[in-house]
């Protein structure tokens, strides 16, 4: 079957201090994206779509076309502040576009079949891509989507706070709630907390969280565009409002226009939020190479 991998690579890397999407982590200069594409292609994905910003697209596109060549079909789309529905109002002084759900909408230009969404700076593990391909193959309801969930304790950084989509599911394994939870921190006493209006909230280490890895069908674009119009009407004049994927899924579940299957990934996740995370990621990749999961030189 044909399936696309949509890579969210438009982030500015403000906490990292640069474009981590193009930073080297493998022994021959491989980026995290290289390993994601390698895993996705092996699982059965036949196209990768990069969502980037216009000011670094030329450099980014040249870099990955040279590295990967014709091993997989590639498309590049741009996420920009002005890419909104006709007649929408927004504040032009914003520094960045509208968030992850807005980024996914950019893929509607070039995607007409099932697709997975991932972050450019996260490693999701070989098994996760196969899990989504299996979901696409067996699922005939094109308004049923999937979220790959990981245990919170395996997704935290030692060097600062992180944002995670906290997932709750019913007995059938369908998502009932996904809450974008900001500034989650791992404390010295082992507790995991996040700020609330009342003070601090606590989370269990085994809480299932979304790492922005989803399986969608094109119907997601139509449903999300409707919510985006409403979002802009209500929050388009705010400087820092963001349109997140979990928000759209919550709305779809609420109005019963879609169902979302929670797929617990057996794979190990790791990623980079801060520059200090880099040595940890490099060590993890070297271990995977030593185990034979990847060749030492990924693209030969």
C-alpha atoms as a PDB file:
ATOM      1  CA  UNK A   1       0.000   0.000   0.000  1.00  0.00           C
ATOM      2  CA  UNK A   2       1.036   3.622  -0.471  1.00  0.00           C
ATOM      3  CA  UNK A   3       1.585   5.743   2.642  1.00  0.00           C
ATOM      4  CA  UNK A   4       3.361   9.027   3.327  1.00  0.00           C
ATOM      5  CA  UNK A   5       5.517  10.146   6.228  1.00  0.00           C
ATOM      6  CA  UNK A   6       4.860  13.783   7.166  1.00  0.00           C
ATOM      7  CA  UNK A   7       7.861  15.226   9.035  1.00  0.00           C
ATOM      8  CA  UNK A   8       7.251  18.349  11.124  1.00  0.00           C
ATOM      9  CA  UNK A   9      10.541  20.189  10.583  1.00  0.00           C
ATOM     10  CA  UNK A  10       9.507  23.857  10.717  1.00  0.00           C
ATOM     11  CA  UNK A  11      10.583  24.442  14.334  1.00  0.00           C
ATOM     12  CA  UNK A  12      13.118  27.175  15.041  1.00  0.00           C
ATOM     13  CA  UNK A  13      15.027  25.232  17.713  1.00  0.00           C
ATOM     14  CA  UNK A  14      15.028  28.165  20.141  1.00  0.00           C
ATOM     15  CA  UNK A  15      15.656  25.965  23.206  1.00  0.00           C
ATOM     16  CA  UNK A  16      18.268  23.939  21.293  1.00  0.00           C
ATOM     17  CA  UNK A  17      20.130  26.956  19.953  1.00  0.00           C
ATOM     18  CA  UNK A  18      19.865  26.184  16.230  1.00  0.00           C
ATOM     19  CA  UNK A  19      18.303  23.964  13.593  1.00  0.00           C
ATOM     20  CA  UNK A  20      18.470  20.586  15.316  1.00  0.00           C
ATOM     21  CA  UNK A  21      16.661  19.090  12.293  1.00  0.00           C
ATOM     22  CA  UNK A  22      20.007  19.183  10.458  1.00  0.00           C
ATOM     23  CA  UNK A  23      22.353  18.462  13.338  1.00  0.00           C
ATOM     24  CA  UNK A  24      24.506  15.312  13.118  1.00  0.00           C
ATOM     25  CA  UNK A  25      23.958  12.467  15.577  1.00  0.00           C
ATOM     26  CA  UNK A  26      25.169   9.405  13.652  1.00  0.00           C
ATOM     27  CA  UNK A  27      28.819   8.438  12.994  1.00  0.00           C
ATOM     28  CA  UNK A  28      28.677   9.692   9.391  1.00  0.00           C
ATOM     29  CA  UNK A  29      26.737  12.882  10.007  1.00  0.00           C
ATOM     30  CA  UNK A  30      23.289  11.233  10.069  1.00  0.00           C
ATOM     31  CA  UNK A  31      20.456  13.335  11.486  1.00  0.00           C
ATOM     32  CA  UNK A  32      17.577  11.920  13.527  1.00  0.00           C
ATOM     33  CA  UNK A  33      15.434  12.437  10.409  1.00  0.00           C
ATOM     34  CA  UNK A  34      17.728  10.097   8.451  1.00  0.00           C
ATOM     35  CA  UNK A  35      16.998   7.271  10.893  1.00  0.00           C
ATOM     36  CA  UNK A  36      13.262   8.029  10.845  1.00  0.00           C
ATOM     37  CA  UNK A  37      13.147   7.867   7.046  1.00  0.00           C
ATOM     38  CA  UNK A  38      15.219   4.677   7.014  1.00  0.00           C
ATOM     39  CA  UNK A  39      12.781   3.017   9.457  1.00  0.00           C
ATOM     40  CA  UNK A  40       9.688   4.314   7.635  1.00  0.00           C
ATOM     41  CA  UNK A  41      10.910   3.108   4.236  1.00  0.00           C
ATOM     42  CA  UNK A  42      11.715  -0.312   5.681  1.00  0.00           C
ATOM     43  CA  UNK A  43       8.184  -0.513   7.148  1.00  0.00           C
ATOM     44  CA  UNK A  44       6.552   0.283   3.808  1.00  0.00           C
ATOM     45  CA  UNK A  45       6.184   4.075   3.537  1.00  0.00           C
ATOM     46  CA  UNK A  46       6.896   5.216  -0.011  1.00  0.00           C
ATOM     47  CA  UNK A  47       7.000   9.019   0.319  1.00  0.00           C
ATOM     48  CA  UNK A  48       8.276  11.578   2.818  1.00  0.00           C
ATOM     49  CA  UNK A  49       6.822  15.094   3.056  1.00  0.00           C
ATOM     50  CA  UNK A  50       8.848  17.710   4.937  1.00  0.00           C
ATOM     51  CA  UNK A  51       7.078  20.693   6.509  1.00  0.00           C
ATOM     52  CA  UNK A  52       9.677  23.488   6.687  1.00  0.00           C
ATOM     53  CA  UNK A  53       9.934  27.273   6.861  1.00  0.00           C
ATOM     54  CA  UNK A  54      10.618  29.261   3.712  1.00  0.00           C
ATOM     55  CA  UNK A  55      13.775  30.952   4.992  1.00  0.00           C
ATOM     56  CA  UNK A  56      15.680  27.652   5.355  1.00  0.00           C
ATOM     57  CA  UNK A  57      13.912  25.501   2.756  1.00  0.00           C
ATOM     58  CA  UNK A  58      16.588  25.814   0.047  1.00  0.00           C
ATOM     59  CA  UNK A  59      19.399  24.691   2.355  1.00  0.00           C
ATOM     60  CA  UNK A  60      17.259  21.987   3.975  1.00  0.00           C
ATOM     61  CA  UNK A  61      15.998  20.535   0.691  1.00  0.00           C
ATOM     62  CA  UNK A  62      19.459  20.470  -0.890  1.00  0.00           C
ATOM     63  CA  UNK A  63      20.853  18.734   2.185  1.00  0.00           C
ATOM     64  CA  UNK A  64      18.355  15.860   2.215  1.00  0.00           C
ATOM     65  CA  UNK A  65      18.150  15.402  -1.554  1.00  0.00           C
ATOM     66  CA  UNK A  66      21.921  15.001  -1.647  1.00  0.00           C
ATOM     67  CA  UNK A  67      21.922  12.530   1.280  1.00  0.00           C
ATOM     68  CA  UNK A  68      18.953  10.368   0.329  1.00  0.00           C
ATOM     69  CA  UNK A  69      18.801  10.772  -3.451  1.00  0.00           C
ATOM     70  CA  UNK A  70      16.040   8.749  -5.110  1.00  0.00           C
ATOM     71  CA  UNK A  71      15.760   6.103  -2.365  1.00  0.00           C
ATOM     72  CA  UNK A  72      12.317   7.494  -1.467  1.00  0.00           C
ATOM     73  CA  UNK A  73      10.082  10.135  -3.036  1.00  0.00           C
ATOM     74  CA  UNK A  74      10.404  13.517  -1.270  1.00  0.00           C
ATOM     75  CA  UNK A  75       8.148  16.568  -1.171  1.00  0.00           C
ATOM     76  CA  UNK A  76       8.725  19.901   0.615  1.00  0.00           C
ATOM     77  CA  UNK A  77       5.948  22.227   1.802  1.00  0.00           C
ATOM     78  CA  UNK A  78       6.244  25.471   3.740  1.00  0.00           C
ATOM     79  CA  UNK A  79       4.487  26.443   6.950  1.00  0.00           C
ATOM     80  CA  UNK A  80       4.095  30.201   7.180  1.00  0.00           C
ATOM     81  CA  UNK A  81       1.996  32.547   9.275  1.00  0.00           C
ATOM     82  CA  UNK A  82       0.005  33.828   6.296  1.00  0.00           C
ATOM     83  CA  UNK A  83      -1.122  30.351   5.163  1.00  0.00           C
ATOM     84  CA  UNK A  84      -4.619  30.556   6.613  1.00  0.00           C
ATOM     85  CA  UNK A  85      -8.155  30.170   5.193  1.00  0.00           C
ATOM     86  CA  UNK A  86      -9.438  33.027   3.041  1.00  0.00           C
ATOM     87  CA  UNK A  87     -10.739  36.054   4.998  1.00  0.00           C
ATOM     88  CA  UNK A  88      -9.186  34.893   8.291  1.00  0.00           C
ATOM     89  CA  UNK A  89      -7.944  37.586  10.668  1.00  0.00           C
ATOM     90  CA  UNK A  90      -4.644  37.271  12.492  1.00  0.00           C
ATOM     91  CA  UNK A  91      -1.981  39.388  14.153  1.00  0.00           C
ATOM     92  CA  UNK A  92       0.962  39.969  11.807  1.00  0.00           C
ATOM     93  CA  UNK A  93       3.416  40.629  14.670  1.00  0.00           C
ATOM     94  CA  UNK A  94       3.577  36.929  15.581  1.00  0.00           C
ATOM     95  CA  UNK A  95       7.066  35.446  15.372  1.00  0.00           C
ATOM     96  CA  UNK A  96       6.042  31.932  14.311  1.00  0.00           C
ATOM     97  CA  UNK A  97       3.119  30.075  12.662  1.00  0.00           C
ATOM     98  CA  UNK A  98       0.202  28.411  14.376  1.00  0.00           C
ATOM     99  CA  UNK A  99       1.466  25.112  15.779  1.00  0.00           C
ATOM    100  CA  UNK A 100       1.495  21.425  14.921  1.00  0.00           C
ATOM    101  CA  UNK A 101      -2.065  21.055  13.590  1.00  0.00           C
ATOM    102  CA  UNK A 102      -1.450  24.001  11.257  1.00  0.00           C
ATOM    103  CA  UNK A 103       1.779  22.317  10.109  1.00  0.00           C
ATOM    104  CA  UNK A 104      -0.114  19.122   9.258  1.00  0.00           C
ATOM    105  CA  UNK A 105      -2.571  21.111   7.127  1.00  0.00           C
ATOM    106  CA  UNK A 106       0.334  22.146   4.882  1.00  0.00           C
ATOM    107  CA  UNK A 107       0.612  18.514   3.781  1.00  0.00           C
ATOM    108  CA  UNK A 108      -2.845  18.574   2.155  1.00  0.00           C
ATOM    109  CA  UNK A 109      -1.191  19.956  -0.993  1.00  0.00           C
ATOM    110  CA  UNK A 110       0.714  16.731  -1.673  1.00  0.00           C
ATOM    111  CA  UNK A 111      -0.926  13.908   0.339  1.00  0.00           C
ATOM    112  CA  UNK A 112      -3.932  11.935  -0.924  1.00  0.00           C
ATOM    113  CA  UNK A 113      -3.651   8.708   1.073  1.00  0.00           C
ATOM    114  CA  UNK A 114      -2.867   7.469   4.600  1.00  0.00           C
ATOM    115  CA  UNK A 115      -0.016   9.244   6.326  1.00  0.00           C
ATOM    116  CA  UNK A 116       1.952   9.245   9.559  1.00  0.00           C
ATOM    117  CA  UNK A 117       3.009  12.421  11.363  1.00  0.00           C
ATOM    118  CA  UNK A 118       6.290  12.681  13.277  1.00  0.00           C
ATOM    119  CA  UNK A 119       8.536  15.356  14.758  1.00  0.00           C
ATOM    120  CA  UNK A 120      11.862  15.918  13.036  1.00  0.00           C
ATOM    121  CA  UNK A 121      13.788  15.822  16.326  1.00  0.00           C
ATOM    122  CA  UNK A 122      12.318  12.632  17.810  1.00  0.00           C
ATOM    123  CA  UNK A 123      13.412   9.024  17.360  1.00  0.00           C
ATOM    124  CA  UNK A 124      10.378   6.719  17.473  1.00  0.00           C
ATOM    125  CA  UNK A 125      11.874   3.252  16.987  1.00  0.00           C
ATOM    126  CA  UNK A 126      11.664   0.724  14.169  1.00  0.00           C
ATOM    127  CA  UNK A 127       8.530  -1.019  15.489  1.00  0.00           C
ATOM    128  CA  UNK A 128       6.401   2.141  15.580  1.00  0.00           C
ATOM    129  CA  UNK A 129       6.400   2.590  11.795  1.00  0.00           C
ATOM    130  CA  UNK A 130       5.392  -1.020  11.197  1.00  0.00           C
ATOM    131  CA  UNK A 131       2.636  -0.610  13.779  1.00  0.00           C
ATOM    132  CA  UNK A 132       1.141   2.311  11.814  1.00  0.00           C
ATOM    133  CA  UNK A 133       1.441   0.549   8.447  1.00  0.00           C
ATOM    134  CA  UNK A 134      -0.467  -2.407   9.948  1.00  0.00           C
ATOM    135  CA  UNK A 135      -3.116   0.008  11.236  1.00  0.00           C
ATOM    136  CA  UNK A 136      -3.563   1.523   7.772  1.00  0.00           C
ATOM    137  CA  UNK A 137      -3.826  -1.908   6.134  1.00  0.00           C
ATOM    138  CA  UNK A 138      -6.488  -3.310   8.430  1.00  0.00           C
ATOM    139  CA  UNK A 139      -8.540  -0.172   8.981  1.00  0.00           C
ATOM    140  CA  UNK A 140     -11.428   0.465   6.580  1.00  0.00           C
ATOM    141  CA  UNK A 141     -12.926   3.395   8.499  1.00  0.00           C
ATOM    142  CA  UNK A 142     -11.262   6.480   7.038  1.00  0.00           C
ATOM    143  CA  UNK A 143     -12.478   8.557   9.995  1.00  0.00           C
ATOM    144  CA  UNK A 144     -10.562   6.377  12.432  1.00  0.00           C
ATOM    145  CA  UNK A 145      -7.060   7.534  13.260  1.00  0.00           C
ATOM    146  CA  UNK A 146      -4.241   6.321  15.510  1.00  0.00           C
ATOM    147  CA  UNK A 147      -1.854   7.753  18.070  1.00  0.00           C
ATOM    148  CA  UNK A 148       1.398   6.026  19.023  1.00  0.00           C
ATOM    149  CA  UNK A 149       1.713   6.264  22.811  1.00  0.00           C
ATOM    150  CA  UNK A 150       4.815   5.980  24.998  1.00  0.00           C
ATOM    151  CA  UNK A 151       5.340   5.820  28.771  1.00  0.00           C
ATOM    152  CA  UNK A 152       6.027   9.301  30.153  1.00  0.00           C
ATOM    153  CA  UNK A 153       9.069   8.173  32.191  1.00  0.00           C
ATOM    154  CA  UNK A 154      10.848   7.254  28.947  1.00  0.00           C
ATOM    155  CA  UNK A 155      10.259  10.634  27.305  1.00  0.00           C
ATOM    156  CA  UNK A 156      11.653  13.179  29.780  1.00  0.00           C
ATOM    157  CA  UNK A 157      14.785  15.333  29.576  1.00  0.00           C
ATOM    158  CA  UNK A 158      17.346  15.762  32.346  1.00  0.00           C
ATOM    159  CA  UNK A 159      18.041  19.288  31.140  1.00  0.00           C
ATOM    160  CA  UNK A 160      14.712  21.099  31.290  1.00  0.00           C
ATOM    161  CA  UNK A 161      10.951  20.869  30.911  1.00  0.00           C
ATOM    162  CA  UNK A 162       9.070  19.183  28.045  1.00  0.00           C
ATOM    163  CA  UNK A 163       5.562  19.348  26.554  1.00  0.00           C
ATOM    164  CA  UNK A 164       3.585  16.114  26.151  1.00  0.00           C
ATOM    165  CA  UNK A 165       0.093  15.088  25.044  1.00  0.00           C
ATOM    166  CA  UNK A 166      -1.304  13.084  27.975  1.00  0.00           C
ATOM    167  CA  UNK A 167      -3.548  10.276  26.654  1.00  0.00           C
ATOM    168  CA  UNK A 168      -6.556   8.577  28.245  1.00  0.00           C
ATOM    169  CA  UNK A 169      -8.297   5.614  26.611  1.00  0.00           C
ATOM    170  CA  UNK A 170     -11.496   3.602  27.100  1.00  0.00           C
ATOM    171  CA  UNK A 171     -11.697  -0.187  27.565  1.00  0.00           C
ATOM    172  CA  UNK A 172     -11.669  -0.712  23.792  1.00  0.00           C
ATOM    173  CA  UNK A 173      -8.408   1.210  23.474  1.00  0.00           C
ATOM    174  CA  UNK A 174      -9.875   4.336  21.891  1.00  0.00           C
ATOM    175  CA  UNK A 175      -8.728   7.768  22.958  1.00  0.00           C
ATOM    176  CA  UNK A 176     -11.171   9.592  25.234  1.00  0.00           C
ATOM    177  CA  UNK A 177      -8.990  12.576  26.005  1.00  0.00           C
ATOM    178  CA  UNK A 178      -5.632  14.011  24.986  1.00  0.00           C
ATOM    179  CA  UNK A 179      -4.383  17.030  26.880  1.00  0.00           C
ATOM    180  CA  UNK A 180      -1.384  19.062  25.726  1.00  0.00           C
ATOM    181  CA  UNK A 181       0.465  19.374  29.026  1.00  0.00           C
ATOM    182  CA  UNK A 182       3.203  22.006  29.130  1.00  0.00           C
ATOM    183  CA  UNK A 183       6.446  22.349  31.103  1.00  0.00           C
ATOM    184  CA  UNK A 184       6.562  18.824  32.537  1.00  0.00           C
ATOM    185  CA  UNK A 185       9.626  18.380  34.727  1.00  0.00           C
ATOM    186  CA  UNK A 186      11.421  15.439  36.326  1.00  0.00           C
ATOM    187  CA  UNK A 187      12.357  16.389  39.888  1.00  0.00           C
ATOM    188  CA  UNK A 188      15.259  15.284  42.074  1.00  0.00           C
ATOM    189  CA  UNK A 189      12.908  13.299  44.324  1.00  0.00           C
ATOM    190  CA  UNK A 190      11.688  11.290  41.323  1.00  0.00           C
ATOM    191  CA  UNK A 191       8.315  13.008  41.045  1.00  0.00           C
ATOM    192  CA  UNK A 192       7.003  14.315  37.732  1.00  0.00           C
ATOM    193  CA  UNK A 193       5.119  17.613  37.878  1.00  0.00           C
ATOM    194  CA  UNK A 194       3.725  20.393  35.705  1.00  0.00           C
ATOM    195  CA  UNK A 195       2.486  23.908  36.575  1.00  0.00           C
ATOM    196  CA  UNK A 196      -1.248  24.558  37.072  1.00  0.00           C
ATOM    197  CA  UNK A 197      -3.245  27.582  38.146  1.00  0.00           C
ATOM    198  CA  UNK A 198      -3.491  26.023  41.607  1.00  0.00           C
ATOM    199  CA  UNK A 199       0.241  25.267  41.871  1.00  0.00           C
ATOM    200  CA  UNK A 200       1.583  21.929  40.627  1.00  0.00           C
ATOM    201  CA  UNK A 201      -0.017  18.878  39.070  1.00  0.00           C
ATOM    202  CA  UNK A 202       1.499  15.390  39.333  1.00  0.00           C
ATOM    203  CA  UNK A 203       1.802  12.646  36.722  1.00  0.00           C
ATOM    204  CA  UNK A 204       2.571   8.940  37.064  1.00  0.00           C
ATOM    205  CA  UNK A 205       5.791   7.720  35.379  1.00  0.00           C
ATOM    206  CA  UNK A 206       3.662   5.192  33.435  1.00  0.00           C
ATOM    207  CA  UNK A 207       1.247   7.797  32.074  1.00  0.00           C
ATOM    208  CA  UNK A 208       0.770   7.204  28.325  1.00  0.00           C
ATOM    209  CA  UNK A 209       1.743  10.245  26.293  1.00  0.00           C
ATOM    210  CA  UNK A 210       1.734  11.242  22.668  1.00  0.00           C
ATOM    211  CA  UNK A 211       5.060  12.197  21.138  1.00  0.00           C
ATOM    212  CA  UNK A 212       3.372  13.663  18.050  1.00  0.00           C
ATOM    213  CA  UNK A 213       3.385  10.381  16.158  1.00  0.00           C
ATOM    214  CA  UNK A 214      -0.025   9.848  14.570  1.00  0.00           C
ATOM    215  CA  UNK A 215      -1.654   7.864  11.794  1.00  0.00           C
ATOM    216  CA  UNK A 216      -4.204   9.802   9.718  1.00  0.00           C
ATOM    217  CA  UNK A 217      -6.283   9.541   6.565  1.00  0.00           C
ATOM    218  CA  UNK A 218      -6.932  12.584   4.303  1.00  0.00           C
ATOM    219  CA  UNK A 219     -10.285  13.160   6.021  1.00  0.00           C
ATOM    220  CA  UNK A 220      -8.200  14.669   8.838  1.00  0.00           C
ATOM    221  CA  UNK A 221      -7.396  17.687   6.638  1.00  0.00           C
ATOM    222  CA  UNK A 222     -11.065  18.564   6.043  1.00  0.00           C
ATOM    223  CA  UNK A 223     -12.069  18.168   9.690  1.00  0.00           C
ATOM    224  CA  UNK A 224      -9.048  20.122  10.960  1.00  0.00           C
ATOM    225  CA  UNK A 225      -9.513  22.989   8.524  1.00  0.00           C
ATOM    226  CA  UNK A 226     -12.992  23.561   9.988  1.00  0.00           C
ATOM    227  CA  UNK A 227     -11.552  23.785  13.515  1.00  0.00           C
ATOM    228  CA  UNK A 228      -8.720  26.038  12.302  1.00  0.00           C
ATOM    229  CA  UNK A 229     -11.173  28.607  10.954  1.00  0.00           C
ATOM    230  CA  UNK A 230     -12.908  28.719  14.324  1.00  0.00           C
ATOM    231  CA  UNK A 231      -9.577  28.862  16.181  1.00  0.00           C
ATOM    232  CA  UNK A 232      -8.445  31.886  14.162  1.00  0.00           C
ATOM    233  CA  UNK A 233     -11.750  33.628  14.750  1.00  0.00           C
ATOM    234  CA  UNK A 234     -11.346  33.190  18.521  1.00  0.00           C
ATOM    235  CA  UNK A 235      -7.566  33.337  19.012  1.00  0.00           C
ATOM    236  CA  UNK A 236      -6.062  34.673  15.775  1.00  0.00           C
ATOM    237  CA  UNK A 237      -5.327  38.081  17.288  1.00  0.00           C
ATOM    238  CA  UNK A 238      -3.274  36.636  20.149  1.00  0.00           C
ATOM    239  CA  UNK A 239       0.513  36.709  19.929  1.00  0.00           C
ATOM    240  CA  UNK A 240       1.231  33.206  21.248  1.00  0.00           C
ATOM    241  CA  UNK A 241      -1.900  31.108  20.686  1.00  0.00           C
ATOM    242  CA  UNK A 242      -1.150  27.678  19.174  1.00  0.00           C
ATOM    243  CA  UNK A 243      -3.249  25.203  17.232  1.00  0.00           C
ATOM    244  CA  UNK A 244      -2.118  21.765  18.449  1.00  0.00           C
ATOM    245  CA  UNK A 245      -2.929  18.317  17.025  1.00  0.00           C
ATOM    246  CA  UNK A 246      -4.306  17.122  20.414  1.00  0.00           C
ATOM    247  CA  UNK A 247      -6.782  20.016  20.351  1.00  0.00           C
ATOM    248  CA  UNK A 248      -8.174  18.886  16.988  1.00  0.00           C
ATOM    249  CA  UNK A 249      -8.477  15.265  18.096  1.00  0.00           C
ATOM    250  CA  UNK A 250     -10.263  16.269  21.289  1.00  0.00           C
ATOM    251  CA  UNK A 251     -12.771  18.242  19.206  1.00  0.00           C
ATOM    252  CA  UNK A 252     -13.344  15.320  16.828  1.00  0.00           C
ATOM    253  CA  UNK A 253     -13.882  12.910  19.722  1.00  0.00           C
ATOM    254  CA  UNK A 254     -16.229  15.397  21.404  1.00  0.00           C
ATOM    255  CA  UNK A 255     -18.426  15.776  18.323  1.00  0.00           C
ATOM    256  CA  UNK A 256     -18.035  12.064  17.436  1.00  0.00           C
ATOM    257  CA  UNK A 257     -16.762  12.783  13.939  1.00  0.00           C
ATOM    258  CA  UNK A 258     -13.691  10.550  14.429  1.00  0.00           C
ATOM    259  CA  UNK A 259     -12.254   7.816  16.640  1.00  0.00           C
ATOM    260  CA  UNK A 260      -8.592   7.536  17.629  1.00  0.00           C
ATOM    261  CA  UNK A 261      -7.005   4.178  18.447  1.00  0.00           C
ATOM    262  CA  UNK A 262      -4.269   4.282  21.071  1.00  0.00           C
ATOM    263  CA  UNK A 263      -1.387   2.081  19.908  1.00  0.00           C
ATOM    264  CA  UNK A 264       1.149   1.473  22.659  1.00  0.00           C
ATOM    265  CA  UNK A 265       4.535   1.356  21.003  1.00  0.00           C
ATOM    266  CA  UNK A 266       6.997  -1.280  22.222  1.00  0.00           C
ATOM    267  CA  UNK A 267       9.843   0.813  20.837  1.00  0.00           C
ATOM    268  CA  UNK A 268      12.201   3.054  22.774  1.00  0.00           C
ATOM    269  CA  UNK A 269      11.725   6.771  22.189  1.00  0.00           C
ATOM    270  CA  UNK A 270      14.380   9.449  22.548  1.00  0.00           C
ATOM    271  CA  UNK A 271      14.749  12.984  21.306  1.00  0.00           C
ATOM    272  CA  UNK A 272      16.473  16.328  21.624  1.00  0.00           C
ATOM    273  CA  UNK A 273      14.934  19.385  23.198  1.00  0.00           C
ATOM    274  CA  UNK A 274      18.085  20.948  24.611  1.00  0.00           C
ATOM    275  CA  UNK A 275      21.698  20.990  23.409  1.00  0.00           C
ATOM    276  CA  UNK A 276      22.678  18.987  26.489  1.00  0.00           C
ATOM    277  CA  UNK A 277      20.462  16.132  25.239  1.00  0.00           C
ATOM    278  CA  UNK A 278      22.763  15.531  22.265  1.00  0.00           C
ATOM    279  CA  UNK A 279      25.417  13.258  23.887  1.00  0.00           C
ATOM    280  CA  UNK A 280      22.653  11.008  25.234  1.00  0.00           C
ATOM    281  CA  UNK A 281      21.103  10.663  21.752  1.00  0.00           C
ATOM    282  CA  UNK A 282      24.483   9.993  20.113  1.00  0.00           C
ATOM    283  CA  UNK A 283      25.141   7.234  22.673  1.00  0.00           C
ATOM    284  CA  UNK A 284      21.712   5.672  22.020  1.00  0.00           C
ATOM    285  CA  UNK A 285      22.280   5.615  18.247  1.00  0.00           C
ATOM    286  CA  UNK A 286      25.737   4.077  18.638  1.00  0.00           C
ATOM    287  CA  UNK A 287      24.201   1.306  20.765  1.00  0.00           C
ATOM    288  CA  UNK A 288      21.614   0.581  18.067  1.00  0.00           C
ATOM    289  CA  UNK A 289      24.389   0.381  15.468  1.00  0.00           C
ATOM    290  CA  UNK A 290      26.358  -1.986  17.709  1.00  0.00           C
ATOM    291  CA  UNK A 291      23.256  -4.205  18.009  1.00  0.00           C
ATOM    292  CA  UNK A 292      22.937  -4.331  14.214  1.00  0.00           C
ATOM    293  CA  UNK A 293      19.701  -2.333  14.012  1.00  0.00           C
ATOM    294  CA  UNK A 294      21.420   0.114  11.628  1.00  0.00           C
ATOM    295  CA  UNK A 295      24.522  -0.070   9.438  1.00  0.00           C
ATOM    296  CA  UNK A 296      27.358   2.210  10.507  1.00  0.00           C
ATOM    297  CA  UNK A 297      26.885   4.232   7.326  1.00  0.00           C
ATOM    298  CA  UNK A 298      23.127   4.577   6.876  1.00  0.00           C
ATOM    299  CA  UNK A 299      22.943   5.620   3.222  1.00  0.00           C
ATOM    300  CA  UNK A 300      25.511   3.647   1.240  1.00  0.00           C
END
